[in-house]
Amino acid sequence: MSTETTTVESILNLSEAMTNLDGDAELLEEILDIFMETAEDQLTSIQNSIEEKDTKQVAVQAHGMKGGASNFCAKKFVRSALRLETKAKDGDLDGAEELLDGMRAAFSDLKEVSVVINWDEVARNWEE
């Protein structure tokens, strides 16, 4: 993570995510938890697909992770995944490792902030 102060809001947009899910903080928490539990394996799978030069699989996997992170408005992660997805769809994996590193860095930031989210407060703020 950079030396800048990292806040939950700088990594994911809870307000936008709550709006998208009609204020269901419990569902949002569940979606984020599932993403956090599966992302490391998915990132490893993308790494393997890059090493195998399987552009189709890289594109599919990056697309899936982009969609998952979109649910909780993790814009930095989404941008990183989109770049890799687009490159792979174009049949080009030059620089894919660096793009995957960007996804990993964004995931690391997500991991750090996900543990400090007060879901009761998120729900309360939505209701106010």
N, C-alpha and C. Protein backbone atom coordinates (compact mmCIF):
# COMPACT_ATOMS: atom_id res chain seq x y z
N MET A 1 0.85 -1.16 0.00
CA MET A 1 0.00 0.00 0.00
C MET A 1 0.90 1.22 0.00
N SER A 2 0.43 2.30 -0.59
CA SER A 2 1.24 3.51 -0.67
C SER A 2 1.34 4.18 0.70
N THR A 3 2.16 5.24 0.74
CA THR A 3 2.33 5.95 2.00
C THR A 3 1.17 6.89 2.28
N GLU A 4 0.27 7.06 1.30
CA GLU A 4 -0.91 7.89 1.52
C GLU A 4 -1.81 7.21 2.55
N THR A 5 -2.60 8.02 3.25
CA THR A 5 -3.54 7.46 4.20
C THR A 5 -4.62 6.71 3.43
N THR A 6 -4.82 5.47 3.81
CA THR A 6 -5.83 4.65 3.16
C THR A 6 -7.06 4.60 4.06
N THR A 7 -8.19 4.88 3.46
CA THR A 7 -9.46 4.79 4.17
C THR A 7 -10.35 3.81 3.43
N VAL A 8 -11.38 3.36 4.10
CA VAL A 8 -12.33 2.47 3.44
C VAL A 8 -12.84 3.15 2.17
N GLU A 9 -13.18 4.44 2.27
CA GLU A 9 -13.76 5.16 1.14
C GLU A 9 -12.80 5.30 -0.03
N SER A 10 -11.48 5.27 0.24
CA SER A 10 -10.52 5.38 -0.85
C SER A 10 -10.36 4.05 -1.59
N ILE A 11 -10.84 2.97 -1.01
CA ILE A 11 -10.68 1.64 -1.60
C ILE A 11 -11.99 1.13 -2.19
N LEU A 12 -13.10 1.37 -1.49
CA LEU A 12 -14.40 0.97 -2.00
C LEU A 12 -15.45 1.99 -1.60
N ASN A 13 -16.45 2.10 -2.42
CA ASN A 13 -17.50 3.10 -2.21
C ASN A 13 -18.72 2.42 -1.59
N LEU A 14 -18.74 2.39 -0.26
CA LEU A 14 -19.83 1.71 0.44
C LEU A 14 -21.19 2.37 0.19
N SER A 15 -21.19 3.68 0.09
CA SER A 15 -22.45 4.39 -0.15
C SER A 15 -23.07 3.98 -1.49
N GLU A 16 -22.25 3.97 -2.52
CA GLU A 16 -22.73 3.55 -3.85
C GLU A 16 -23.15 2.09 -3.84
N ALA A 17 -22.36 1.25 -3.18
CA ALA A 17 -22.69 -0.17 -3.10
C ALA A 17 -24.01 -0.39 -2.36
N MET A 18 -24.20 0.35 -1.27
CA MET A 18 -25.47 0.24 -0.53
C MET A 18 -26.64 0.68 -1.40
N THR A 19 -26.46 1.73 -2.17
CA THR A 19 -27.52 2.18 -3.07
C THR A 19 -27.84 1.07 -4.08
N ASN A 20 -26.81 0.47 -4.65
CA ASN A 20 -27.00 -0.59 -5.64
C ASN A 20 -27.72 -1.80 -5.06
N LEU A 21 -27.56 -2.02 -3.75
CA LEU A 21 -28.17 -3.18 -3.10
C LEU A 21 -29.37 -2.79 -2.23
N ASP A 22 -29.96 -1.65 -2.53
CA ASP A 22 -31.14 -1.18 -1.82
C ASP A 22 -30.96 -1.16 -0.31
N GLY A 23 -29.75 -0.81 0.13
CA GLY A 23 -29.50 -0.63 1.55
C GLY A 23 -29.32 -1.91 2.35
N ASP A 24 -29.06 -3.01 1.66
CA ASP A 24 -28.92 -4.30 2.35
C ASP A 24 -27.46 -4.50 2.78
N ALA A 25 -27.12 -3.99 3.97
CA ALA A 25 -25.75 -4.08 4.48
C ALA A 25 -25.33 -5.53 4.70
N GLU A 26 -26.26 -6.36 5.12
CA GLU A 26 -25.94 -7.77 5.36
C GLU A 26 -25.53 -8.46 4.06
N LEU A 27 -26.25 -8.19 2.99
CA LEU A 27 -25.92 -8.76 1.69
C LEU A 27 -24.58 -8.23 1.20
N LEU A 28 -24.35 -6.95 1.37
CA LEU A 28 -23.09 -6.35 0.95
C LEU A 28 -21.92 -6.98 1.71
N GLU A 29 -22.08 -7.15 3.00
CA GLU A 29 -21.04 -7.79 3.81
C GLU A 29 -20.77 -9.22 3.31
N GLU A 30 -21.83 -9.95 3.01
CA GLU A 30 -21.69 -11.32 2.53
C GLU A 30 -20.96 -11.36 1.18
N ILE A 31 -21.32 -10.47 0.28
CA ILE A 31 -20.67 -10.41 -1.03
C ILE A 31 -19.18 -10.10 -0.87
N LEU A 32 -18.88 -9.14 -0.03
CA LEU A 32 -17.47 -8.78 0.20
C LEU A 32 -16.72 -9.95 0.84
N ASP A 33 -17.33 -10.61 1.81
CA ASP A 33 -16.69 -11.75 2.47
C ASP A 33 -16.38 -12.87 1.47
N ILE A 34 -17.33 -13.17 0.61
CA ILE A 34 -17.12 -14.24 -0.38
C ILE A 34 -15.98 -13.85 -1.32
N PHE A 35 -15.97 -12.60 -1.75
CA PHE A 35 -14.90 -12.14 -2.63
C PHE A 35 -13.55 -12.29 -1.93
N MET A 36 -13.49 -11.86 -0.68
CA MET A 36 -12.23 -11.92 0.06
C MET A 36 -11.76 -13.36 0.25
N GLU A 37 -12.69 -14.28 0.43
CA GLU A 37 -12.34 -15.69 0.64
C GLU A 37 -11.85 -16.36 -0.64
N THR A 38 -12.31 -15.91 -1.80
CA THR A 38 -11.99 -16.61 -3.05
C THR A 38 -10.95 -15.90 -3.91
N ALA A 39 -10.69 -14.64 -3.64
CA ALA A 39 -9.86 -13.83 -4.54
C ALA A 39 -8.43 -14.34 -4.68
N GLU A 40 -7.82 -14.75 -3.59
CA GLU A 40 -6.42 -15.20 -3.69
C GLU A 40 -6.28 -16.40 -4.63
N ASP A 41 -7.19 -17.35 -4.52
CA ASP A 41 -7.17 -18.50 -5.43
C ASP A 41 -7.42 -18.07 -6.87
N GLN A 42 -8.32 -17.11 -7.05
CA GLN A 42 -8.60 -16.62 -8.40
C GLN A 42 -7.39 -15.89 -8.98
N LEU A 43 -6.71 -15.11 -8.17
CA LEU A 43 -5.51 -14.42 -8.65
C LEU A 43 -4.42 -15.43 -9.02
N THR A 44 -4.30 -16.49 -8.24
CA THR A 44 -3.34 -17.54 -8.57
C THR A 44 -3.72 -18.23 -9.87
N SER A 45 -4.99 -18.44 -10.06
CA SER A 45 -5.48 -19.06 -11.29
C SER A 45 -5.17 -18.18 -12.51
N ILE A 46 -5.35 -16.88 -12.35
CA ILE A 46 -5.00 -15.95 -13.44
C ILE A 46 -3.51 -16.03 -13.72
N GLN A 47 -2.70 -16.07 -12.66
CA GLN A 47 -1.25 -16.20 -12.82
C GLN A 47 -0.92 -17.45 -13.64
N ASN A 48 -1.53 -18.55 -13.31
CA ASN A 48 -1.30 -19.81 -14.03
C ASN A 48 -1.72 -19.69 -15.50
N SER A 49 -2.84 -19.04 -15.74
CA SER A 49 -3.31 -18.87 -17.11
C SER A 49 -2.38 -17.96 -17.92
N ILE A 50 -1.82 -16.95 -17.27
CA ILE A 50 -0.84 -16.09 -17.93
C ILE A 50 0.39 -16.92 -18.30
N GLU A 51 0.87 -17.72 -17.36
CA GLU A 51 2.04 -18.56 -17.61
C GLU A 51 1.79 -19.55 -18.74
N GLU A 52 0.54 -20.02 -18.86
CA GLU A 52 0.17 -20.95 -19.93
C GLU A 52 -0.17 -20.22 -21.23
N LYS A 53 -0.12 -18.89 -21.19
CA LYS A 53 -0.43 -18.03 -22.35
C LYS A 53 -1.85 -18.29 -22.87
N ASP A 54 -2.77 -18.53 -21.94
CA ASP A 54 -4.16 -18.79 -22.27
C ASP A 54 -4.95 -17.48 -22.17
N THR A 55 -4.93 -16.73 -23.26
CA THR A 55 -5.56 -15.40 -23.25
C THR A 55 -7.05 -15.47 -22.94
N LYS A 56 -7.71 -16.48 -23.48
CA LYS A 56 -9.16 -16.60 -23.24
C LYS A 56 -9.45 -16.77 -21.76
N GLN A 57 -8.71 -17.65 -21.10
CA GLN A 57 -8.93 -17.92 -19.68
C GLN A 57 -8.59 -16.69 -18.83
N VAL A 58 -7.52 -16.00 -19.19
CA VAL A 58 -7.15 -14.78 -18.46
C VAL A 58 -8.29 -13.77 -18.56
N ALA A 59 -8.82 -13.59 -19.77
CA ALA A 59 -9.91 -12.62 -19.97
C ALA A 59 -11.15 -13.01 -19.16
N VAL A 60 -11.51 -14.29 -19.19
CA VAL A 60 -12.69 -14.76 -18.46
C VAL A 60 -12.51 -14.57 -16.96
N GLN A 61 -11.34 -14.93 -16.45
CA GLN A 61 -11.11 -14.84 -15.00
C GLN A 61 -11.04 -13.37 -14.55
N ALA A 62 -10.36 -12.54 -15.32
CA ALA A 62 -10.28 -11.12 -14.96
C ALA A 62 -11.67 -10.49 -15.01
N HIS A 63 -12.45 -10.89 -16.00
CA HIS A 63 -13.82 -10.38 -16.12
C HIS A 63 -14.65 -10.76 -14.89
N GLY A 64 -14.53 -12.01 -14.47
CA GLY A 64 -15.27 -12.48 -13.30
C GLY A 64 -14.89 -11.72 -12.04
N MET A 65 -13.60 -11.50 -11.86
CA MET A 65 -13.15 -10.77 -10.67
C MET A 65 -13.59 -9.31 -10.73
N LYS A 66 -13.56 -8.75 -11.93
CA LYS A 66 -14.03 -7.37 -12.11
C LYS A 66 -15.49 -7.26 -11.71
N GLY A 67 -16.29 -8.21 -12.14
CA GLY A 67 -17.71 -8.21 -11.79
C GLY A 67 -17.93 -8.36 -10.29
N GLY A 68 -17.16 -9.24 -9.67
CA GLY A 68 -17.29 -9.43 -8.22
C GLY A 68 -16.97 -8.16 -7.46
N ALA A 69 -15.88 -7.51 -7.83
CA ALA A 69 -15.47 -6.28 -7.14
C ALA A 69 -16.40 -5.12 -7.45
N SER A 70 -17.07 -5.18 -8.59
CA SER A 70 -18.03 -4.13 -8.94
C SER A 70 -19.21 -4.10 -7.97
N ASN A 71 -19.54 -5.26 -7.41
CA ASN A 71 -20.66 -5.34 -6.47
C ASN A 71 -20.48 -4.45 -5.26
N PHE A 72 -19.23 -4.25 -4.84
CA PHE A 72 -19.00 -3.38 -3.69
C PHE A 72 -18.18 -2.15 -4.07
N CYS A 73 -18.20 -1.85 -5.37
CA CYS A 73 -17.65 -0.59 -5.90
C CYS A 73 -16.19 -0.36 -5.51
N ALA A 74 -15.38 -1.40 -5.70
CA ALA A 74 -13.94 -1.31 -5.46
C ALA A 74 -13.30 -0.84 -6.77
N LYS A 75 -13.38 0.46 -7.01
CA LYS A 75 -13.04 1.03 -8.32
C LYS A 75 -11.59 0.75 -8.75
N LYS A 76 -10.64 0.84 -7.85
CA LYS A 76 -9.23 0.60 -8.20
C LYS A 76 -9.04 -0.85 -8.67
N PHE A 77 -9.63 -1.78 -7.93
CA PHE A 77 -9.53 -3.19 -8.32
C PHE A 77 -10.22 -3.41 -9.66
N VAL A 78 -11.40 -2.83 -9.82
CA VAL A 78 -12.16 -2.99 -11.06
C VAL A 78 -11.35 -2.47 -12.25
N ARG A 79 -10.73 -1.30 -12.10
CA ARG A 79 -9.92 -0.73 -13.20
C ARG A 79 -8.76 -1.66 -13.55
N SER A 80 -8.10 -2.19 -12.54
CA SER A 80 -6.97 -3.10 -12.78
C SER A 80 -7.42 -4.36 -13.52
N ALA A 81 -8.52 -4.93 -13.07
CA ALA A 81 -9.03 -6.14 -13.71
C ALA A 81 -9.49 -5.86 -15.14
N LEU A 82 -10.09 -4.71 -15.36
CA LEU A 82 -10.55 -4.34 -16.71
C LEU A 82 -9.36 -4.22 -17.66
N ARG A 83 -8.29 -3.62 -17.20
CA ARG A 83 -7.09 -3.48 -18.05
C ARG A 83 -6.58 -4.86 -18.47
N LEU A 84 -6.50 -5.78 -17.51
CA LEU A 84 -6.02 -7.12 -17.83
C LEU A 84 -7.00 -7.85 -18.74
N GLU A 85 -8.27 -7.74 -18.45
CA GLU A 85 -9.30 -8.38 -19.28
C GLU A 85 -9.21 -7.88 -20.73
N THR A 86 -9.11 -6.59 -20.91
CA THR A 86 -9.06 -6.00 -22.24
C THR A 86 -7.83 -6.47 -23.00
N LYS A 87 -6.70 -6.45 -22.34
CA LYS A 87 -5.45 -6.90 -22.96
C LYS A 87 -5.57 -8.35 -23.41
N ALA A 88 -6.10 -9.20 -22.53
CA ALA A 88 -6.24 -10.61 -22.86
C ALA A 88 -7.23 -10.82 -24.00
N LYS A 89 -8.33 -10.07 -24.00
CA LYS A 89 -9.31 -10.18 -25.09
C LYS A 89 -8.69 -9.79 -26.42
N ASP A 90 -7.72 -8.88 -26.37
CA ASP A 90 -7.02 -8.47 -27.59
C ASP A 90 -5.97 -9.51 -28.00
N GLY A 91 -5.84 -10.58 -27.21
CA GLY A 91 -4.90 -11.63 -27.53
C GLY A 91 -3.46 -11.31 -27.18
N ASP A 92 -3.28 -10.35 -26.30
CA ASP A 92 -1.94 -9.86 -25.97
C ASP A 92 -1.71 -10.00 -24.46
N LEU A 93 -0.71 -10.77 -24.09
CA LEU A 93 -0.39 -10.93 -22.67
C LEU A 93 0.93 -10.24 -22.30
N ASP A 94 1.50 -9.45 -23.23
CA ASP A 94 2.69 -8.68 -22.89
C ASP A 94 2.31 -7.67 -21.80
N GLY A 95 3.01 -7.70 -20.70
CA GLY A 95 2.71 -6.81 -19.59
C GLY A 95 1.60 -7.30 -18.68
N ALA A 96 1.10 -8.51 -18.94
CA ALA A 96 0.00 -9.05 -18.13
C ALA A 96 0.43 -9.25 -16.68
N GLU A 97 1.67 -9.64 -16.47
CA GLU A 97 2.17 -9.84 -15.10
C GLU A 97 2.06 -8.55 -14.29
N GLU A 98 2.44 -7.44 -14.91
CA GLU A 98 2.38 -6.14 -14.23
C GLU A 98 0.93 -5.76 -13.93
N LEU A 99 0.04 -6.05 -14.86
CA LEU A 99 -1.37 -5.76 -14.63
C LEU A 99 -1.93 -6.63 -13.50
N LEU A 100 -1.50 -7.88 -13.46
CA LEU A 100 -1.91 -8.77 -12.37
C LEU A 100 -1.34 -8.25 -11.05
N ASP A 101 -0.13 -7.73 -11.07
CA ASP A 101 0.45 -7.13 -9.85
C ASP A 101 -0.42 -5.98 -9.37
N GLY A 102 -0.98 -5.20 -10.30
CA GLY A 102 -1.89 -4.11 -9.94
C GLY A 102 -3.15 -4.64 -9.27
N MET A 103 -3.66 -5.75 -9.78
CA MET A 103 -4.83 -6.37 -9.16
C MET A 103 -4.48 -6.85 -7.76
N ARG A 104 -3.31 -7.44 -7.62
CA ARG A 104 -2.89 -7.94 -6.30
C ARG A 104 -2.72 -6.79 -5.31
N ALA A 105 -2.16 -5.68 -5.76
CA ALA A 105 -1.98 -4.52 -4.87
C ALA A 105 -3.35 -3.98 -4.45
N ALA A 106 -4.28 -3.89 -5.40
CA ALA A 106 -5.62 -3.41 -5.07
C ALA A 106 -6.32 -4.39 -4.12
N PHE A 107 -6.10 -5.69 -4.31
CA PHE A 107 -6.68 -6.68 -3.41
C PHE A 107 -6.08 -6.54 -2.01
N SER A 108 -4.80 -6.30 -1.94
CA SER A 108 -4.14 -6.11 -0.64
C SER A 108 -4.78 -4.94 0.11
N ASP A 109 -5.04 -3.85 -0.61
CA ASP A 109 -5.72 -2.71 0.00
C ASP A 109 -7.12 -3.10 0.48
N LEU A 110 -7.83 -3.85 -0.35
CA LEU A 110 -9.17 -4.32 0.03
C LEU A 110 -9.12 -5.17 1.29
N LYS A 111 -8.13 -6.05 1.34
CA LYS A 111 -7.99 -6.93 2.49
C LYS A 111 -7.78 -6.10 3.76
N GLU A 112 -6.97 -5.09 3.64
CA GLU A 112 -6.66 -4.26 4.81
C GLU A 112 -7.89 -3.51 5.31
N VAL A 113 -8.67 -2.95 4.41
CA VAL A 113 -9.82 -2.16 4.87
C VAL A 113 -11.04 -3.01 5.19
N SER A 114 -11.14 -4.20 4.59
CA SER A 114 -12.35 -5.01 4.81
C SER A 114 -12.51 -5.42 6.27
N VAL A 115 -11.41 -5.54 6.98
CA VAL A 115 -11.50 -5.98 8.37
C VAL A 115 -11.89 -4.86 9.33
N VAL A 116 -11.89 -3.61 8.87
CA VAL A 116 -12.22 -2.50 9.76
C VAL A 116 -13.61 -1.92 9.50
N ILE A 117 -14.32 -2.48 8.55
CA ILE A 117 -15.66 -1.97 8.26
C ILE A 117 -16.60 -2.32 9.40
N ASN A 118 -17.29 -1.33 9.91
CA ASN A 118 -18.30 -1.53 10.94
C ASN A 118 -19.65 -1.64 10.23
N TRP A 119 -20.11 -2.88 10.04
CA TRP A 119 -21.31 -3.10 9.24
C TRP A 119 -22.57 -2.56 9.92
N ASP A 120 -22.60 -2.56 11.24
CA ASP A 120 -23.75 -1.96 11.94
C ASP A 120 -23.82 -0.47 11.63
N GLU A 121 -22.66 0.18 11.62
CA GLU A 121 -22.62 1.61 11.30
C GLU A 121 -23.00 1.87 9.85
N VAL A 122 -22.56 1.02 8.95
CA VAL A 122 -22.93 1.16 7.53
C VAL A 122 -24.45 1.10 7.40
N ALA A 123 -25.06 0.11 8.05
CA ALA A 123 -26.53 -0.03 7.98
C ALA A 123 -27.23 1.16 8.61
N ARG A 124 -26.72 1.60 9.77
CA ARG A 124 -27.32 2.76 10.46
C ARG A 124 -27.23 4.03 9.62
N ASN A 125 -26.08 4.26 9.01
CA ASN A 125 -25.91 5.45 8.18
C ASN A 125 -26.81 5.42 6.96
N TRP A 126 -27.07 4.25 6.45
CA TRP A 126 -27.96 4.13 5.31
C TRP A 126 -29.39 4.49 5.70
N GLU A 127 -29.79 4.09 6.88
CA GLU A 127 -31.17 4.31 7.34
C GLU A 127 -31.42 5.76 7.70
N GLU A 128 -30.37 6.51 8.01
CA GLU A 128 -30.56 7.90 8.47
C GLU A 128 -30.98 8.83 7.36
